[in-house]
């Protein structure tokens, strides 16, 4: 499990699902254990109806959302 704190910054500036530029300070961002950040609305739709919840970028199992 990765450690995450407020000083950590996800490397990507685009949501990998909707391809919109993310504001890294936005409360609408969700950071997965693999440190990929996506918009909350996008990741919720991505996970909807899936039995295995995996990151859409690296396919790492997303058992926890860090923020």
C-alpha atoms as a PDB file:
ATOM      1  CA  UNK A   1       0.000   0.000   0.000  1.00  0.00           C
ATOM      2  CA  UNK A   2       1.336   3.430  -0.920  1.00  0.00           C
ATOM      3  CA  UNK A   3       1.662   6.220   1.592  1.00  0.00           C
ATOM      4  CA  UNK A   4       0.017   9.486   0.610  1.00  0.00           C
ATOM      5  CA  UNK A   5       0.199  12.887   2.199  1.00  0.00           C
ATOM      6  CA  UNK A   6      -0.743  16.412   1.194  1.00  0.00           C
ATOM      7  CA  UNK A   7       2.766  17.112  -0.162  1.00  0.00           C
ATOM      8  CA  UNK A   8       2.527  14.298  -2.720  1.00  0.00           C
ATOM      9  CA  UNK A   9       1.427  15.470  -6.154  1.00  0.00           C
ATOM     10  CA  UNK A  10       0.085  13.057  -8.771  1.00  0.00           C
ATOM     11  CA  UNK A  11       2.211  13.287 -11.914  1.00  0.00           C
ATOM     12  CA  UNK A  12      -0.644  13.409 -14.412  1.00  0.00           C
ATOM     13  CA  UNK A  13      -2.440  16.660 -15.194  1.00  0.00           C
ATOM     14  CA  UNK A  14      -5.225  15.062 -17.244  1.00  0.00           C
ATOM     15  CA  UNK A  15      -8.035  12.858 -16.059  1.00  0.00           C
ATOM     16  CA  UNK A  16      -7.354   9.605 -17.932  1.00  0.00           C
ATOM     17  CA  UNK A  17     -11.068   8.965 -18.366  1.00  0.00           C
ATOM     18  CA  UNK A  18     -12.482  12.291 -19.597  1.00  0.00           C
ATOM     19  CA  UNK A  19      -9.115  13.750 -20.741  1.00  0.00           C
ATOM     20  CA  UNK A  20      -9.849  17.120 -19.125  1.00  0.00           C
ATOM     21  CA  UNK A  21      -7.145  19.080 -17.328  1.00  0.00           C
ATOM     22  CA  UNK A  22      -7.418  18.571 -13.583  1.00  0.00           C
ATOM     23  CA  UNK A  23      -6.938  21.243 -10.948  1.00  0.00           C
ATOM     24  CA  UNK A  24      -4.669  19.392  -8.509  1.00  0.00           C
ATOM     25  CA  UNK A  25      -6.151  21.402  -5.611  1.00  0.00           C
ATOM     26  CA  UNK A  26      -9.734  20.407  -6.423  1.00  0.00           C
ATOM     27  CA  UNK A  27     -11.730  18.395  -3.902  1.00  0.00           C
ATOM     28  CA  UNK A  28     -13.242  16.559  -6.909  1.00  0.00           C
ATOM     29  CA  UNK A  29     -10.040  14.577  -7.470  1.00  0.00           C
ATOM     30  CA  UNK A  30      -9.638  11.030  -6.257  1.00  0.00           C
ATOM     31  CA  UNK A  31      -6.188   9.484  -5.867  1.00  0.00           C
ATOM     32  CA  UNK A  32      -5.940   5.707  -6.102  1.00  0.00           C
ATOM     33  CA  UNK A  33      -3.311   3.591  -4.300  1.00  0.00           C
ATOM     34  CA  UNK A  34      -1.230   3.595  -7.481  1.00  0.00           C
ATOM     35  CA  UNK A  35      -1.132   7.421  -7.219  1.00  0.00           C
ATOM     36  CA  UNK A  36      -3.156   8.010 -10.397  1.00  0.00           C
ATOM     37  CA  UNK A  37      -5.606  10.867  -9.928  1.00  0.00           C
ATOM     38  CA  UNK A  38      -8.987  11.059 -11.625  1.00  0.00           C
ATOM     39  CA  UNK A  39     -12.120  13.127 -11.248  1.00  0.00           C
ATOM     40  CA  UNK A  40     -14.447  11.657  -8.643  1.00  0.00           C
ATOM     41  CA  UNK A  41     -17.385  11.572 -11.077  1.00  0.00           C
ATOM     42  CA  UNK A  42     -15.311   9.797 -13.735  1.00  0.00           C
ATOM     43  CA  UNK A  43     -13.879   7.113 -11.448  1.00  0.00           C
ATOM     44  CA  UNK A  44     -17.307   6.477  -9.908  1.00  0.00           C
ATOM     45  CA  UNK A  45     -18.727   5.852 -13.408  1.00  0.00           C
ATOM     46  CA  UNK A  46     -15.680   3.730 -14.318  1.00  0.00           C
ATOM     47  CA  UNK A  47     -16.191   1.487 -11.271  1.00  0.00           C
ATOM     48  CA  UNK A  48     -19.987   1.289 -11.643  1.00  0.00           C
ATOM     49  CA  UNK A  49     -21.079  -2.260 -12.384  1.00  0.00           C
ATOM     50  CA  UNK A  50     -17.546  -3.684 -12.445  1.00  0.00           C
ATOM     51  CA  UNK A  51     -16.776  -6.640 -10.234  1.00  0.00           C
ATOM     52  CA  UNK A  52     -13.043  -5.878 -10.207  1.00  0.00           C
ATOM     53  CA  UNK A  53     -12.173  -2.273  -9.474  1.00  0.00           C
ATOM     54  CA  UNK A  54      -8.909  -1.469 -11.249  1.00  0.00           C
ATOM     55  CA  UNK A  55      -7.136   1.726 -12.202  1.00  0.00           C
ATOM     56  CA  UNK A  56      -7.994   2.615 -15.818  1.00  0.00           C
ATOM     57  CA  UNK A  57      -4.358   3.635 -16.421  1.00  0.00           C
ATOM     58  CA  UNK A  58      -2.173   0.881 -14.921  1.00  0.00           C
ATOM     59  CA  UNK A  59      -4.834  -1.736 -14.013  1.00  0.00           C
ATOM     60  CA  UNK A  60      -3.589  -1.907 -10.416  1.00  0.00           C
ATOM     61  CA  UNK A  61      -6.323  -3.169  -8.088  1.00  0.00           C
ATOM     62  CA  UNK A  62      -8.021  -0.143  -6.544  1.00  0.00           C
ATOM     63  CA  UNK A  63      -8.931  -1.486  -3.125  1.00  0.00           C
ATOM     64  CA  UNK A  64      -8.656   1.977  -1.550  1.00  0.00           C
ATOM     65  CA  UNK A  65      -9.033   5.572  -2.598  1.00  0.00           C
ATOM     66  CA  UNK A  66      -6.485   7.658  -0.744  1.00  0.00           C
ATOM     67  CA  UNK A  67      -8.194  10.984  -1.132  1.00  0.00           C
END
